[in-house]
Protein backbone atom coordinates (compact mmCIF):
# COMPACT_ATOMS: atom_id res chain seq x y z
CA UNK A 1 -165.68 -100.59 179.53
CA UNK A 2 -164.24 -97.15 178.75
CA UNK A 3 -160.92 -96.57 179.32
CA UNK A 4 -159.76 -94.18 182.07
CA UNK A 5 -158.08 -91.05 180.71
CA UNK A 6 -154.94 -89.91 182.61
CA UNK A 7 -155.01 -86.26 181.74
CA UNK A 8 -151.98 -84.43 182.53
CA UNK A 9 -151.38 -80.98 180.64
CA UNK A 10 -147.88 -80.03 179.79
CA UNK A 11 -147.18 -76.62 178.59
CA UNK A 12 -144.84 -75.96 175.84
CA UNK A 13 -142.21 -74.16 178.42
CA UNK A 14 -142.68 -77.77 180.18
CA UNK A 15 -141.99 -79.83 177.10
CA UNK A 16 -138.96 -78.02 175.94
CA UNK A 17 -137.30 -77.96 179.29
CA UNK A 18 -137.86 -81.94 179.07
CA UNK A 19 -136.72 -81.91 175.36
CA UNK A 20 -133.51 -80.35 176.11
CA UNK A 21 -132.91 -82.25 179.61
CA UNK A 22 -133.13 -85.60 177.32
CA UNK A 23 -130.61 -83.92 174.67
CA UNK A 24 -128.39 -83.30 177.39
CA UNK A 25 -128.74 -86.66 178.66
CA UNK A 26 -128.18 -88.15 175.14
CA UNK A 27 -124.87 -85.82 174.84
CA UNK A 28 -123.81 -86.80 178.61
CA UNK A 29 -124.27 -90.81 177.58
CA UNK A 30 -122.16 -90.28 174.34
CA UNK A 31 -119.21 -88.68 176.92
CA UNK A 32 -119.76 -91.57 179.35
CA UNK A 33 -119.38 -94.55 176.22
CA UNK A 34 -116.44 -92.51 174.42
CA UNK A 35 -114.59 -92.45 177.80
CA UNK A 36 -114.97 -96.36 178.59
CA UNK A 37 -112.09 -98.21 179.51
CA UNK A 38 -110.95 -101.95 179.90
CA UNK A 39 -110.59 -102.93 183.32
CA UNK A 40 -113.60 -100.40 184.29
CA UNK A 41 -115.81 -101.55 186.88
CA UNK A 42 -119.85 -100.93 186.95
CA UNK A 43 -119.45 -98.49 189.96
CA UNK A 44 -116.20 -96.65 188.07
CA UNK A 45 -118.71 -95.78 184.98
CA UNK A 46 -121.29 -94.94 187.50
CA UNK A 47 -119.08 -92.41 189.06
CA UNK A 48 -117.53 -90.93 186.04
CA UNK A 49 -120.96 -90.26 184.61
CA UNK A 50 -122.35 -88.47 187.82
CA UNK A 51 -119.11 -86.51 187.73
CA UNK A 52 -119.58 -85.25 184.11
CA UNK A 53 -123.24 -84.42 184.48
CA UNK A 54 -122.54 -80.97 186.05
CA UNK A 55 -120.78 -80.13 182.63
CA UNK A 56 -124.12 -80.58 180.66
CA UNK A 57 -126.28 -78.80 183.01
CA UNK A 58 -127.52 -81.11 185.69
CA UNK A 59 -127.14 -80.34 188.94
CA UNK A 60 -129.07 -83.52 190.71
CA UNK A 61 -130.80 -87.09 189.61
CA UNK A 62 -133.74 -88.57 189.14
CA UNK A 63 -132.16 -91.71 189.75
CA UNK A 64 -128.37 -92.45 190.15
CA UNK A 65 -126.96 -94.45 187.01
CA UNK A 66 -127.46 -97.70 186.57
CA UNK A 67 -124.88 -99.80 184.68
CA UNK A 68 -124.23 -103.55 184.03
CA UNK A 69 -121.87 -105.70 182.42
CA UNK A 70 -122.25 -108.87 180.86
CA UNK A 71 -126.17 -108.32 180.09
CA UNK A 72 -127.87 -110.11 183.51
CA UNK A 73 -131.40 -111.34 182.73
CA UNK A 74 -132.76 -109.41 185.93
CA UNK A 75 -131.30 -106.49 186.90
CA UNK A 76 -128.97 -107.25 189.86
CA UNK A 77 -129.42 -104.96 192.82
CA UNK A 78 -126.00 -103.61 192.99
CA UNK A 79 -123.69 -102.92 190.41
CA UNK A 80 -121.10 -105.72 191.08
CA UNK A 81 -117.30 -105.52 190.55
CA UNK A 82 -117.25 -107.14 186.99
CA UNK A 83 -114.14 -105.68 185.24
CA UNK A 84 -114.96 -104.30 181.44
CA UNK A 85 -113.17 -106.41 178.87
CA UNK A 86 -113.74 -106.25 175.03
CA UNK A 87 -116.72 -108.48 173.66
CA UNK A 88 -118.77 -107.62 176.95
CA UNK A 89 -122.09 -106.28 176.43
CA UNK A 90 -122.50 -102.48 178.40
CA UNK A 91 -125.90 -101.41 179.47
CA UNK A 92 -126.00 -98.20 181.00
CA UNK A 93 -129.18 -96.23 182.27
CA UNK A 94 -128.91 -92.16 182.90
CA UNK A 95 -131.49 -89.84 184.55
CA UNK A 96 -130.07 -86.72 185.77
CA UNK A 97 -132.19 -83.72 186.33
CA UNK A 98 -132.24 -80.08 186.12
CA UNK A 99 -134.48 -77.74 188.50
CA UNK A 100 -137.35 -77.80 185.65
CA UNK A 101 -137.02 -81.44 184.18
CA UNK A 102 -135.07 -84.70 183.67
CA UNK A 103 -134.07 -87.12 181.15
CA UNK A 104 -134.20 -90.48 180.91
CA UNK A 105 -132.11 -92.36 178.38
CA UNK A 106 -130.65 -96.07 178.32
CA UNK A 107 -128.45 -97.32 175.86
CA UNK A 108 -126.40 -100.77 175.41
CA UNK A 109 -123.45 -101.39 173.20
CA UNK A 110 -120.73 -104.55 172.84
CA UNK A 111 -117.59 -103.18 174.02
CA UNK A 112 -114.74 -102.83 171.69
CA UNK A 113 -116.06 -105.25 169.15
CA UNK A 114 -116.93 -105.25 165.63
CA UNK A 115 -119.92 -107.17 165.42
CA UNK A 116 -123.13 -106.34 167.13
CA UNK A 117 -124.66 -109.31 169.04
CA UNK A 118 -128.37 -110.14 167.98
CA UNK A 119 -130.03 -109.78 171.26
CA UNK A 120 -128.32 -106.03 171.22
CA UNK A 121 -130.18 -105.25 167.61
CA UNK A 122 -133.29 -106.94 168.53
CA UNK A 123 -133.52 -104.94 171.90
CA UNK A 124 -132.98 -101.39 170.37
CA UNK A 125 -135.85 -102.49 167.23
CA UNK A 126 -138.12 -103.49 170.54
CA UNK A 127 -137.67 -99.94 172.23
CA UNK A 128 -138.38 -98.14 168.83
CA UNK A 129 -141.29 -100.23 167.96
CA UNK A 130 -142.67 -100.22 171.43
CA UNK A 131 -142.40 -96.00 171.18
CA UNK A 132 -144.07 -96.06 167.63
CA UNK A 133 -146.95 -97.93 169.32
CA UNK A 134 -147.56 -95.61 172.05
CA UNK A 135 -150.15 -93.10 171.04
CA UNK A 136 -153.63 -91.62 172.07
CA UNK A 137 -155.75 -94.24 170.66
CA UNK A 138 -153.63 -97.06 173.17
CA UNK A 139 -154.09 -97.53 176.70
CA UNK A 140 -151.15 -97.57 178.70
CA UNK A 141 -151.13 -101.48 179.34
CA UNK A 142 -151.50 -102.44 175.77
CA UNK A 143 -148.19 -101.20 175.33
CA UNK A 144 -146.94 -103.79 177.60
CA UNK A 145 -148.98 -106.59 175.90
CA UNK A 146 -147.51 -105.40 172.45
CA UNK A 147 -144.00 -105.59 173.82
CA UNK A 148 -144.46 -109.04 175.09
CA UNK A 149 -146.10 -110.44 172.12
CA UNK A 150 -143.18 -108.40 170.20
CA UNK A 151 -140.56 -110.69 172.36
CA UNK A 152 -142.66 -114.26 172.33
CA UNK A 153 -143.13 -113.80 168.62
CA UNK A 154 -139.06 -113.74 168.47
CA UNK A 155 -138.73 -116.71 170.60
CA UNK A 156 -137.90 -114.26 173.63
CA UNK A 157 -139.48 -112.95 176.84
CA UNK A 158 -139.90 -109.55 178.71
CA UNK A 159 -138.46 -111.75 181.62
CA UNK A 160 -139.44 -111.01 185.08
CA UNK A 161 -140.28 -107.41 184.28
CA UNK A 162 -144.03 -106.09 185.50
CA UNK A 163 -143.57 -102.98 183.36
CA UNK A 164 -141.94 -101.64 180.34
CA UNK A 165 -141.63 -97.93 181.60
CA UNK A 166 -143.43 -95.44 183.59
CA UNK A 167 -145.14 -91.91 183.53
CA UNK A 168 -143.01 -89.03 183.71
CA UNK A 169 -143.89 -85.78 185.94
CA UNK A 170 -142.78 -81.98 185.79
CA UNK A 171 -142.02 -80.15 189.21
CA UNK A 172 -145.35 -78.53 189.11
CA UNK A 173 -148.00 -78.90 192.13
CA UNK A 174 -147.06 -81.54 194.65
CA UNK A 175 -144.56 -82.99 192.57
CA UNK A 176 -142.41 -80.00 193.08
CA UNK A 177 -142.13 -80.54 196.74
CA UNK A 178 -138.65 -81.85 197.29
CA UNK A 179 -138.08 -82.45 193.65
CA UNK A 180 -137.30 -85.05 192.07
CA UNK A 181 -137.91 -87.20 195.14
CA UNK A 182 -141.49 -86.97 194.90
CA UNK A 183 -141.76 -87.29 191.30
CA UNK A 184 -139.52 -90.86 191.89
CA UNK A 185 -141.84 -92.01 194.44
CA UNK A 186 -145.01 -91.43 191.88
CA UNK A 187 -143.91 -93.91 189.52
CA UNK A 188 -143.65 -96.76 191.96
CA UNK A 189 -147.53 -96.26 191.79
CA UNK A 190 -149.29 -99.04 189.34
CA UNK A 191 -151.27 -96.27 187.89
CA UNK A 192 -148.32 -94.80 186.87
CA UNK A 193 -146.09 -98.03 185.35
CA UNK A 194 -146.52 -99.33 181.77
CA UNK A 195 -148.04 -102.28 182.95
CA UNK A 196 -150.30 -105.09 182.15
CA UNK A 197 -153.84 -104.51 183.14
CA UNK A 198 -153.43 -100.34 183.26
CA UNK A 199 -156.11 -99.36 181.71
CA UNK A 200 -155.54 -95.42 181.49
CA UNK A 201 -155.55 -93.67 178.17
CA UNK A 202 -151.84 -93.04 176.78
CA UNK A 203 -151.93 -89.27 177.71
CA UNK A 204 -148.51 -87.53 178.78
CA UNK A 205 -145.02 -88.01 179.11
CA UNK A 206 -143.76 -91.30 179.41
CA UNK A 207 -140.10 -93.63 179.73
CA UNK A 208 -140.76 -96.74 177.68
CA UNK A 209 -138.06 -98.83 178.42
CA UNK A 210 -138.92 -102.83 177.66
CA UNK A 211 -136.04 -105.37 178.62
CA UNK A 212 -135.65 -107.89 176.24
CA UNK A 213 -134.50 -111.53 177.83
CA UNK A 214 -133.00 -114.73 176.04
CA UNK A 215 -132.39 -117.83 177.85
CA UNK A 216 -129.06 -116.22 179.15
CA UNK A 217 -128.88 -112.59 178.91
CA UNK A 218 -131.24 -109.42 178.81
CA UNK A 219 -130.66 -105.96 177.64
CA UNK A 220 -132.79 -102.63 177.48
CA UNK A 221 -132.44 -99.40 175.72
CA UNK A 222 -134.77 -96.46 176.85
CA UNK A 223 -136.35 -93.55 175.22
CA UNK A 224 -138.80 -90.74 176.22
CA UNK A 225 -142.04 -90.05 174.42
CA UNK A 226 -144.65 -87.31 174.66
CA UNK A 227 -148.41 -88.53 174.03
CA UNK A 228 -150.81 -85.47 173.24
CA UNK A 229 -154.13 -85.71 171.35
CA UNK A 230 -152.89 -84.82 167.79
CA UNK A 231 -149.18 -85.71 168.43
CA UNK A 232 -146.59 -88.16 169.60
CA UNK A 233 -143.04 -87.22 170.04
CA UNK A 234 -139.68 -88.60 170.86
CA UNK A 235 -138.05 -86.34 173.46
CA UNK A 236 -134.63 -85.17 172.67
CA UNK A 237 -134.87 -86.64 169.36
CA UNK A 238 -135.61 -85.00 165.93
CA UNK A 239 -137.99 -87.75 164.81
CA UNK A 240 -138.51 -91.25 165.96
CA UNK A 241 -136.41 -92.56 162.83
CA UNK A 242 -133.46 -91.02 164.66
C-alpha cells in the first residue's frame, strides 16, 4: 500500500521562527535546571519556569510546564508535592511560545549526583536514535515501531505510551485562530501523532518524545526535528550530534 504523504509546507521564515523558539526554550531550560534547589516541589519548578519565560522572549505556552520527580513509569495527572532531594531523577518538559512559533524540549537529570543512572543515559540515547531514524523515507508509524524495538532490545519498553511525539503546526491558516490553542488541539488527532499504524509519510515538523520505561521508573527526553524532502534538521541545535 502506498503511504499517505502528509504534506505541510514550512517557508524559510517559519523554520527560522521555530528554530529560534527552540533555542530560546533550551536556554530557558538551562536556567530552570541551574536554579533547582533541594526542598522544591514540581509545582515550584513549574512556577519558576513560567516566571522566567518572558525574559527569554515568550508570551504564552503551547502547553504548561510538566515537572516530575522520582521518574514515574506513567506521567501523573498532577505534579504532586514530592520535595526534591539529592539523587532524585528530575524530568522537565517546557513548551513556551511566541506569536510565530513554539519550542518543545524535554530534559532529565539526576539532581546533585555525580553518577548518571543507566536509565537516564538510555532515555537520552533513545531520543537521539529516534530523531536520527526520522526521515522522508519513513512513515510516521515506523518511528514508533523503531522506538519500541529499541526499548525491547534492552529489556525495557515504552510503557503505556500510545505515541512517541506529535506534529507541530505554525500559526497559519486555521491554526492562527486562537493560537496556540488550535495547534495544541490538533496534536490530539491520531493522524498528527507519532504512533503505531500511522502510515503518513514523515514530512514537516515533529516533537519527538519517546518515554523509556523500566520495571519501576520511566524517563523521556524531547527534541524537535524538521523532516523535508532533501533534509533532516534538529531544531535549536547545530547538528544531530549536539
